[in-house]
Amino acid sequence: MPELIKQKCRNPDAYLDEQDLKDIAEAEEDILQGRVYTTKELRAKLGIQ
């Protein structure tokens, strides 16, 4: 399965790891379920000020 997990990014030296793929799947599920966040909510969730 590791071959399936290593998908090339725009940067030829970078790869998506298992956590990246999990985060993408979670974000996709949020979108499909209609869960959207304002910029303010997203910044709070990510801890960005």
C-alpha atoms as a PDB file:
ATOM      1  CA  MET A   1       0.000   0.000   0.000  1.00  0.00           C
ATOM      2  CA  PRO A   2       2.845   2.532   0.496  1.00  0.00           C
ATOM      3  CA  GLU A   3       3.079   2.895  -3.279  1.00  0.00           C
ATOM      4  CA  LEU A   4      -0.496   4.177  -3.332  1.00  0.00           C
ATOM      5  CA  ILE A   5       0.154   6.610  -0.514  1.00  0.00           C
ATOM      6  CA  LYS A   6       3.124   8.328  -2.147  1.00  0.00           C
ATOM      7  CA  GLN A   7       1.463  10.585  -4.676  1.00  0.00           C
ATOM      8  CA  LYS A   8       3.529  13.309  -6.277  1.00  0.00           C
ATOM      9  CA  CYS A   9       2.816  16.933  -5.488  1.00  0.00           C
ATOM     10  CA  ARG A  10       3.720  19.928  -7.649  1.00  0.00           C
ATOM     11  CA  ASN A  11       7.148  19.829  -6.065  1.00  0.00           C
ATOM     12  CA  PRO A  12       8.823  16.750  -7.605  1.00  0.00           C
ATOM     13  CA  ASP A  13      10.690  16.097  -4.337  1.00  0.00           C
ATOM     14  CA  ALA A  14       7.561  16.175  -2.157  1.00  0.00           C
ATOM     15  CA  TYR A  15       5.053  13.444  -1.480  1.00  0.00           C
ATOM     16  CA  LEU A  16       1.748  13.265   0.343  1.00  0.00           C
ATOM     17  CA  ASP A  17       2.051  11.127   3.460  1.00  0.00           C
ATOM     18  CA  GLU A  18      -0.715   9.127   5.131  1.00  0.00           C
ATOM     19  CA  GLN A  19      -1.684  12.069   7.368  1.00  0.00           C
ATOM     20  CA  ASP A  20      -1.981  14.389   4.350  1.00  0.00           C
ATOM     21  CA  LEU A  21      -4.298  11.919   2.613  1.00  0.00           C
ATOM     22  CA  LYS A  22      -6.358  11.517   5.802  1.00  0.00           C
ATOM     23  CA  ASP A  23      -6.703  15.299   6.129  1.00  0.00           C
ATOM     24  CA  ILE A  24      -7.738  15.620   2.477  1.00  0.00           C
ATOM     25  CA  ALA A  25     -10.361  12.871   2.878  1.00  0.00           C
ATOM     26  CA  GLU A  26     -11.696  14.581   6.006  1.00  0.00           C
ATOM     27  CA  ALA A  27     -11.896  17.937   4.227  1.00  0.00           C
ATOM     28  CA  GLU A  28     -13.641  16.319   1.265  1.00  0.00           C
ATOM     29  CA  GLU A  29     -16.191  14.753   3.621  1.00  0.00           C
ATOM     30  CA  ASP A  30     -16.795  18.144   5.273  1.00  0.00           C
ATOM     31  CA  ILE A  31     -17.453  19.672   1.848  1.00  0.00           C
ATOM     32  CA  LEU A  32     -19.775  16.861   0.787  1.00  0.00           C
ATOM     33  CA  GLN A  33     -21.727  17.191   4.053  1.00  0.00           C
ATOM     34  CA  GLY A  34     -22.093  20.926   3.508  1.00  0.00           C
ATOM     35  CA  ARG A  35     -19.876  21.912   6.423  1.00  0.00           C
ATOM     36  CA  VAL A  36     -18.229  25.178   5.537  1.00  0.00           C
ATOM     37  CA  TYR A  37     -16.224  27.558   7.675  1.00  0.00           C
ATOM     38  CA  THR A  38     -15.770  31.290   7.618  1.00  0.00           C
ATOM     39  CA  THR A  39     -12.213  32.599   7.399  1.00  0.00           C
ATOM     40  CA  LYS A  40     -12.460  33.635  11.043  1.00  0.00           C
ATOM     41  CA  GLU A  41     -13.609  30.159  12.145  1.00  0.00           C
ATOM     42  CA  LEU A  42     -10.902  28.464  10.099  1.00  0.00           C
ATOM     43  CA  ARG A  43      -8.178  30.696  11.515  1.00  0.00           C
ATOM     44  CA  ALA A  44      -9.368  29.871  15.045  1.00  0.00           C
ATOM     45  CA  LYS A  45      -9.459  26.153  14.268  1.00  0.00           C
ATOM     46  CA  LEU A  46      -5.928  26.246  12.836  1.00  0.00           C
ATOM     47  CA  GLY A  47      -4.612  28.544  15.548  1.00  0.00           C
ATOM     48  CA  ILE A  48      -3.710  31.301  13.085  1.00  0.00           C
ATOM     49  CA  GLN A  49      -4.187  34.861  14.246  1.00  0.00           C
END
